[in-house]
Amino acid sequence: MELENIKTQSKKAVLEIIEDAHLKAGDLFVVGCSSSEVCGEKIGTHSSYDVATAIYEGITEALATKDILLAAQCCEHLNRALIVERATCEKFNLEEVNVVPQPKAGGSFGTNAYKHMTDPVAVESLNQQASAGIDIGGTLIGMHIKPVVVPLRISFNKIGEANFLCARRRPKFVGGGRAIYDENLM
């Protein structure tokens, strides 16, 4: 597995999402990632810390270009808890929980976030406050994004061997037959 290529693919994907979802500084971006799937294996079976590191580096470089905040989803063994910076936890009024992710209990991506963030904390939920995200390898992130969650297609759909899905939020439509909607928010 070519780690530099994985990092480049991850960064490119997130830069496209930032652009297409019209994200701005201070928005919350959620990432779910199966390093096993990126390596061509079944989710949860061949966790790779090195692959997760390459993905983490690519994603954080992309998010830093617009000062967008990261929420790194852990695996199902931690009930999909998320790792965020303490400042993010406070900004979004999230409830901290006590767990330190490990590659086999939290996943390699969540473990990377915990080890590389400045002041990481685990939270149980984002309370549907993320503005967009990427699900690498079928980890299920939709529950963390503000309603209404809509799929977002970018120019490619694989990182390594893993398929990925992108999502963003759009404001709810209100009104009726006479309502006019802002095309920029659709």
Protein backbone atom coordinates (compact mmCIF):
# COMPACT_ATOMS: atom_id res chain seq x y z
CA MET A 1 0.00 0.00 0.00
CA GLU A 2 1.54 3.28 -1.15
CA LEU A 3 1.09 5.57 1.86
CA GLU A 4 1.89 8.80 0.04
CA ASN A 5 -0.81 8.00 -2.54
CA ILE A 6 -3.33 7.30 0.25
CA LYS A 7 -2.47 10.64 1.86
CA THR A 8 -2.84 12.45 -1.48
CA GLN A 9 -6.20 10.79 -2.24
CA SER A 10 -7.50 11.66 1.23
CA LYS A 11 -6.45 15.28 0.96
CA LYS A 12 -7.90 15.63 -2.55
CA ALA A 13 -11.24 14.14 -1.49
CA VAL A 14 -11.61 16.48 1.48
CA LEU A 15 -10.58 19.55 -0.53
CA GLU A 16 -13.32 18.71 -3.05
CA ILE A 17 -15.86 18.23 -0.27
CA ILE A 18 -14.90 21.56 1.32
CA GLU A 19 -15.44 23.28 -2.01
CA ASP A 20 -18.64 21.50 -3.05
CA ALA A 21 -20.26 21.71 0.40
CA HIS A 22 -19.35 25.42 0.75
CA LEU A 23 -17.71 24.85 4.14
CA LYS A 24 -16.29 27.76 6.07
CA ALA A 25 -13.97 28.33 9.01
CA GLY A 26 -15.32 26.87 12.23
CA ASP A 27 -17.53 24.26 10.54
CA LEU A 28 -17.36 20.73 11.92
CA PHE A 29 -16.31 17.90 9.57
CA VAL A 30 -16.79 14.26 10.58
CA VAL A 31 -14.63 11.39 9.34
CA GLY A 32 -15.32 7.71 9.65
CA CYS A 33 -12.53 5.50 8.37
CA SER A 34 -11.83 1.79 8.08
CA SER A 35 -8.14 1.32 7.41
CA SER A 36 -8.92 -2.37 6.84
CA GLU A 37 -11.17 -1.47 3.89
CA VAL A 38 -8.53 0.91 2.50
CA CYS A 39 -6.16 -2.10 2.50
CA GLY A 40 -8.74 -4.20 0.65
CA GLU A 41 -9.86 -6.23 3.68
CA LYS A 42 -13.18 -6.52 5.50
CA ILE A 43 -13.96 -3.69 7.92
CA GLY A 44 -12.56 -4.37 11.39
CA THR A 45 -10.24 -7.22 10.37
CA HIS A 46 -6.86 -5.74 9.38
CA SER A 47 -6.50 -2.36 11.06
CA SER A 48 -3.42 -0.47 9.86
CA TYR A 49 -2.06 2.34 11.95
CA ASP A 50 0.27 3.45 9.12
CA VAL A 51 -2.57 3.67 6.60
CA ALA A 52 -4.71 5.56 9.12
CA THR A 53 -1.82 7.96 9.73
CA ALA A 54 -1.55 8.73 6.01
CA ILE A 55 -5.30 9.34 5.81
CA TYR A 56 -5.28 11.49 8.96
CA GLU A 57 -2.40 13.61 7.63
CA GLY A 58 -4.10 14.17 4.26
CA ILE A 59 -7.42 15.06 5.83
CA THR A 60 -6.01 17.40 8.46
CA GLU A 61 -3.90 19.21 5.85
CA ALA A 62 -7.04 19.78 3.77
CA LEU A 63 -9.14 20.93 6.74
CA ALA A 64 -6.40 23.32 7.87
CA THR A 65 -6.69 25.26 4.59
CA LYS A 66 -10.05 26.65 5.77
CA ASP A 67 -9.76 26.23 9.56
CA ILE A 68 -12.42 23.52 9.57
CA LEU A 69 -12.72 21.39 12.71
CA LEU A 70 -12.29 17.61 12.72
CA ALA A 71 -14.39 14.99 14.48
CA ALA A 72 -12.80 11.54 14.07
CA GLN A 73 -15.30 8.73 14.54
CA CYS A 74 -14.17 5.64 16.40
CA CYS A 75 -15.34 2.16 15.52
CA GLU A 76 -18.40 0.30 16.77
CA HIS A 77 -16.46 -1.16 19.73
CA LEU A 78 -16.57 2.34 21.25
CA ASN A 79 -20.16 2.88 20.08
CA ARG A 80 -18.88 5.25 17.38
CA ALA A 81 -17.63 7.78 19.92
CA LEU A 82 -15.74 10.67 18.35
CA ILE A 83 -12.40 12.30 19.02
CA VAL A 84 -12.31 16.10 18.89
CA GLU A 85 -10.14 18.87 20.24
CA ARG A 86 -11.24 20.08 23.66
CA ALA A 87 -11.94 23.53 22.16
CA THR A 88 -14.30 21.88 19.64
CA CYS A 89 -16.02 20.02 22.46
CA GLU A 90 -16.59 23.30 24.26
CA LYS A 91 -17.60 25.28 21.14
CA PHE A 92 -20.31 22.77 20.21
CA ASN A 93 -21.32 22.07 23.83
CA LEU A 94 -20.54 18.35 23.55
CA GLU A 95 -20.37 15.94 26.46
CA GLU A 96 -16.94 14.43 27.10
CA VAL A 97 -16.74 10.70 27.81
CA ASN A 98 -13.85 8.71 29.26
CA VAL A 99 -12.15 6.46 26.72
CA VAL A 100 -8.78 6.34 24.99
CA PRO A 101 -9.09 4.69 21.57
CA GLN A 102 -6.74 1.88 20.55
CA PRO A 103 -6.37 0.29 17.09
CA LYS A 104 -8.52 -2.73 18.06
CA ALA A 105 -10.96 -0.76 20.25
CA GLY A 106 -11.69 2.52 18.57
CA GLY A 107 -9.90 1.97 15.28
CA SER A 108 -6.62 3.16 13.87
CA PHE A 109 -8.09 6.44 12.60
CA GLY A 110 -9.59 7.39 15.97
CA THR A 111 -6.35 6.37 17.66
CA ASN A 112 -4.41 8.61 15.28
CA ALA A 113 -6.65 11.55 16.03
CA TYR A 114 -6.24 11.02 19.76
CA LYS A 115 -2.45 10.82 19.47
CA HIS A 116 -2.02 13.75 17.08
CA MET A 117 -4.52 16.33 18.32
CA THR A 118 -3.28 19.02 20.67
CA ASP A 119 -5.84 18.43 23.45
CA PRO A 120 -8.04 15.50 22.41
CA VAL A 121 -11.21 14.41 24.14
CA ALA A 122 -13.74 11.71 23.33
CA VAL A 123 -17.39 12.61 22.97
CA GLU A 124 -20.35 10.28 22.65
CA SER A 125 -22.17 12.33 20.03
CA LEU A 126 -21.90 15.45 17.91
CA ASN A 127 -25.62 16.04 18.43
CA GLN A 128 -25.99 16.32 14.65
CA GLN A 129 -23.78 19.42 14.43
CA ALA A 130 -21.33 18.45 11.66
CA SER A 131 -21.74 20.31 8.38
CA ALA A 132 -20.20 17.61 6.16
CA GLY A 133 -18.12 14.48 6.28
CA ILE A 134 -16.56 11.49 4.59
CA ASP A 135 -17.23 7.83 5.27
CA ILE A 136 -14.25 5.77 4.12
CA GLY A 137 -15.08 2.10 3.98
CA GLY A 138 -18.66 1.95 5.26
CA THR A 139 -18.37 3.25 8.82
CA LEU A 140 -21.72 5.12 8.86
CA ILE A 141 -21.39 8.82 9.72
CA GLY A 142 -24.78 10.25 8.68
CA MET A 143 -26.09 10.42 12.24
CA HIS A 144 -23.50 13.10 13.08
CA ILE A 145 -24.43 15.59 10.34
CA LYS A 146 -27.04 18.34 10.66
CA PRO A 147 -30.38 17.60 9.02
CA VAL A 148 -30.94 17.46 6.08
CA VAL A 149 -28.07 15.10 5.13
CA VAL A 150 -27.58 14.80 1.38
CA PRO A 151 -25.03 12.74 -0.56
CA LEU A 152 -22.25 14.61 -2.27
CA ARG A 153 -20.51 13.22 -5.34
CA ILE A 154 -16.96 14.27 -6.07
CA SER A 155 -14.63 13.35 -8.94
CA PHE A 156 -13.60 9.93 -7.54
CA ASN A 157 -14.92 7.43 -4.99
CA LYS A 158 -12.04 5.29 -3.68
CA ILE A 159 -9.17 5.76 -1.28
CA GLY A 160 -6.88 2.79 -1.63
CA GLU A 161 -9.25 -0.14 -2.05
CA ALA A 162 -12.07 1.41 0.00
CA ASN A 163 -15.16 2.99 -1.46
CA PHE A 164 -16.12 6.20 0.24
CA LEU A 165 -19.26 8.28 0.47
CA CYS A 166 -19.40 12.00 1.07
CA ALA A 167 -22.22 13.88 2.70
CA ARG A 168 -23.13 17.45 3.46
CA ARG A 169 -26.02 19.19 5.06
CA ARG A 170 -28.49 21.50 3.46
CA PRO A 171 -31.01 23.65 5.24
CA LYS A 172 -34.55 22.24 5.43
CA PHE A 173 -37.01 23.49 2.86
CA VAL A 174 -39.90 25.40 4.41
CA GLY A 175 -42.85 27.06 2.78
CA GLY A 176 -44.95 25.58 0.06
CA GLY A 177 -45.84 25.90 -3.57
CA ARG A 178 -45.17 29.64 -3.64
CA ALA A 179 -41.85 29.45 -1.78
CA ILE A 180 -38.65 30.41 -3.56
CA TYR A 181 -35.39 28.79 -2.49
CA ASP A 182 -31.80 30.03 -2.52
CA GLU A 183 -29.99 27.89 -5.11
CA ASN A 184 -26.69 28.39 -3.25
CA LEU A 185 -28.08 26.44 -0.27
CA MET A 186 -29.37 23.46 -2.24
